[in-house]
N, C-alpha and C. Protein backbone atom coordinates (compact mmCIF):
# COMPACT_ATOMS: atom_id res chain seq x y z
N MET A 1 75.38 -14.28 -37.13
CA MET A 1 74.03 -14.14 -36.63
C MET A 1 73.49 -15.50 -36.20
N ARG A 2 72.74 -15.49 -35.16
CA ARG A 2 72.18 -16.73 -34.62
C ARG A 2 70.68 -16.78 -34.90
N GLU A 3 70.23 -17.90 -35.39
CA GLU A 3 68.80 -18.06 -35.62
C GLU A 3 68.25 -19.05 -34.62
N GLY A 4 67.07 -18.81 -34.19
CA GLY A 4 66.43 -19.71 -33.23
C GLY A 4 65.12 -19.11 -32.77
N LEU A 5 64.44 -19.87 -32.01
CA LEU A 5 63.16 -19.41 -31.49
C LEU A 5 63.39 -18.49 -30.30
N ASP A 6 62.54 -17.52 -30.19
CA ASP A 6 62.59 -16.62 -29.04
C ASP A 6 61.87 -17.31 -27.89
N HIS A 7 62.59 -17.66 -26.86
CA HIS A 7 62.00 -18.42 -25.76
C HIS A 7 61.05 -17.59 -24.91
N TRP A 8 61.16 -16.29 -24.94
CA TRP A 8 60.29 -15.46 -24.11
C TRP A 8 58.83 -15.56 -24.51
N THR A 9 58.57 -15.81 -25.77
CA THR A 9 57.18 -15.99 -26.21
C THR A 9 56.55 -17.17 -25.47
N PHE A 10 57.29 -18.25 -25.36
CA PHE A 10 56.77 -19.44 -24.68
C PHE A 10 56.69 -19.24 -23.17
N VAL A 11 57.63 -18.51 -22.63
CA VAL A 11 57.60 -18.23 -21.19
C VAL A 11 56.38 -17.39 -20.85
N ILE A 12 56.13 -16.37 -21.62
CA ILE A 12 54.96 -15.51 -21.38
C ILE A 12 53.66 -16.30 -21.57
N ALA A 13 53.62 -17.14 -22.59
CA ALA A 13 52.43 -17.97 -22.82
C ALA A 13 52.20 -18.92 -21.64
N ALA A 14 53.26 -19.51 -21.12
CA ALA A 14 53.11 -20.43 -19.99
C ALA A 14 52.60 -19.69 -18.75
N TYR A 15 53.13 -18.50 -18.49
CA TYR A 15 52.63 -17.72 -17.36
C TYR A 15 51.17 -17.32 -17.58
N ALA A 16 50.81 -16.93 -18.79
CA ALA A 16 49.43 -16.54 -19.09
C ALA A 16 48.48 -17.72 -18.86
N ILE A 17 48.88 -18.89 -19.32
CA ILE A 17 48.04 -20.08 -19.11
C ILE A 17 47.92 -20.40 -17.62
N GLY A 18 49.02 -20.27 -16.90
CA GLY A 18 49.00 -20.54 -15.46
C GLY A 18 48.11 -19.57 -14.71
N VAL A 19 48.22 -18.29 -15.02
CA VAL A 19 47.41 -17.27 -14.34
C VAL A 19 45.94 -17.44 -14.71
N ALA A 20 45.66 -17.69 -16.00
CA ALA A 20 44.27 -17.87 -16.42
C ALA A 20 43.67 -19.12 -15.78
N GLY A 21 44.44 -20.20 -15.71
CA GLY A 21 43.94 -21.42 -15.08
C GLY A 21 43.67 -21.23 -13.59
N THR A 22 44.54 -20.50 -12.93
CA THR A 22 44.34 -20.22 -11.50
C THR A 22 43.10 -19.37 -11.29
N ALA A 23 42.93 -18.35 -12.12
CA ALA A 23 41.75 -17.49 -12.01
C ALA A 23 40.47 -18.28 -12.29
N LEU A 24 40.52 -19.14 -13.29
CA LEU A 24 39.35 -19.96 -13.61
C LEU A 24 39.00 -20.90 -12.46
N LEU A 25 39.99 -21.53 -11.88
CA LEU A 25 39.76 -22.43 -10.75
C LEU A 25 39.22 -21.68 -9.54
N ALA A 26 39.77 -20.50 -9.27
CA ALA A 26 39.28 -19.71 -8.14
C ALA A 26 37.83 -19.27 -8.36
N GLY A 27 37.50 -18.86 -9.57
CA GLY A 27 36.13 -18.47 -9.88
C GLY A 27 35.16 -19.63 -9.76
N TRP A 28 35.56 -20.77 -10.26
CA TRP A 28 34.72 -21.97 -10.20
C TRP A 28 34.49 -22.38 -8.74
N SER A 29 35.53 -22.31 -7.94
CA SER A 29 35.41 -22.65 -6.52
C SER A 29 34.51 -21.67 -5.78
N TRP A 30 34.64 -20.40 -6.11
CA TRP A 30 33.81 -19.38 -5.46
C TRP A 30 32.34 -19.60 -5.80
N ILE A 31 32.04 -19.90 -7.06
CA ILE A 31 30.65 -20.17 -7.47
C ILE A 31 30.12 -21.41 -6.74
N ALA A 32 30.93 -22.45 -6.65
CA ALA A 32 30.51 -23.67 -5.96
C ALA A 32 30.26 -23.39 -4.48
N MET A 33 31.10 -22.54 -3.88
CA MET A 33 30.92 -22.19 -2.47
C MET A 33 29.60 -21.43 -2.27
N ARG A 34 29.32 -20.50 -3.15
CA ARG A 34 28.08 -19.73 -3.03
C ARG A 34 26.86 -20.63 -3.19
N ARG A 35 26.93 -21.58 -4.11
CA ARG A 35 25.81 -22.52 -4.28
C ARG A 35 25.63 -23.39 -3.04
N ALA A 36 26.72 -23.84 -2.47
CA ALA A 36 26.64 -24.68 -1.27
C ALA A 36 26.07 -23.88 -0.10
N GLU A 37 26.47 -22.63 0.03
CA GLU A 37 25.93 -21.79 1.10
C GLU A 37 24.43 -21.57 0.91
N ALA A 38 24.00 -21.38 -0.32
CA ALA A 38 22.57 -21.20 -0.59
C ALA A 38 21.80 -22.47 -0.27
N ARG A 39 22.35 -23.63 -0.62
CA ARG A 39 21.70 -24.90 -0.28
C ARG A 39 21.58 -25.08 1.22
N ARG A 40 22.64 -24.72 1.94
CA ARG A 40 22.63 -24.84 3.40
C ARG A 40 21.55 -23.94 4.00
N GLU A 41 21.45 -22.72 3.50
CA GLU A 41 20.43 -21.80 4.02
C GLU A 41 19.02 -22.31 3.73
N ARG A 42 18.82 -22.87 2.54
CA ARG A 42 17.50 -23.41 2.19
C ARG A 42 17.15 -24.59 3.10
N SER A 43 18.13 -25.42 3.43
CA SER A 43 17.86 -26.57 4.29
C SER A 43 17.59 -26.14 5.73
N ARG A 44 18.17 -25.04 6.16
CA ARG A 44 17.91 -24.53 7.52
C ARG A 44 16.51 -23.94 7.64
N GLU A 45 16.00 -23.41 6.55
CA GLU A 45 14.67 -22.77 6.58
C GLU A 45 13.54 -23.78 6.63
N GLN A 46 13.79 -24.98 6.21
CA GLN A 46 12.71 -25.97 6.15
C GLN A 46 12.40 -26.58 7.48
């Protein structure tokens, strides 16, 4: 019998961190874009 760590746990964790980080970055960018668009519209109205 062979003892050792199951590498799939770490592989799945790495993918989960990567996907979560990508989603977080995309959400943060989308919010920043919406704020910038609102600022632009406010400056056009003045």
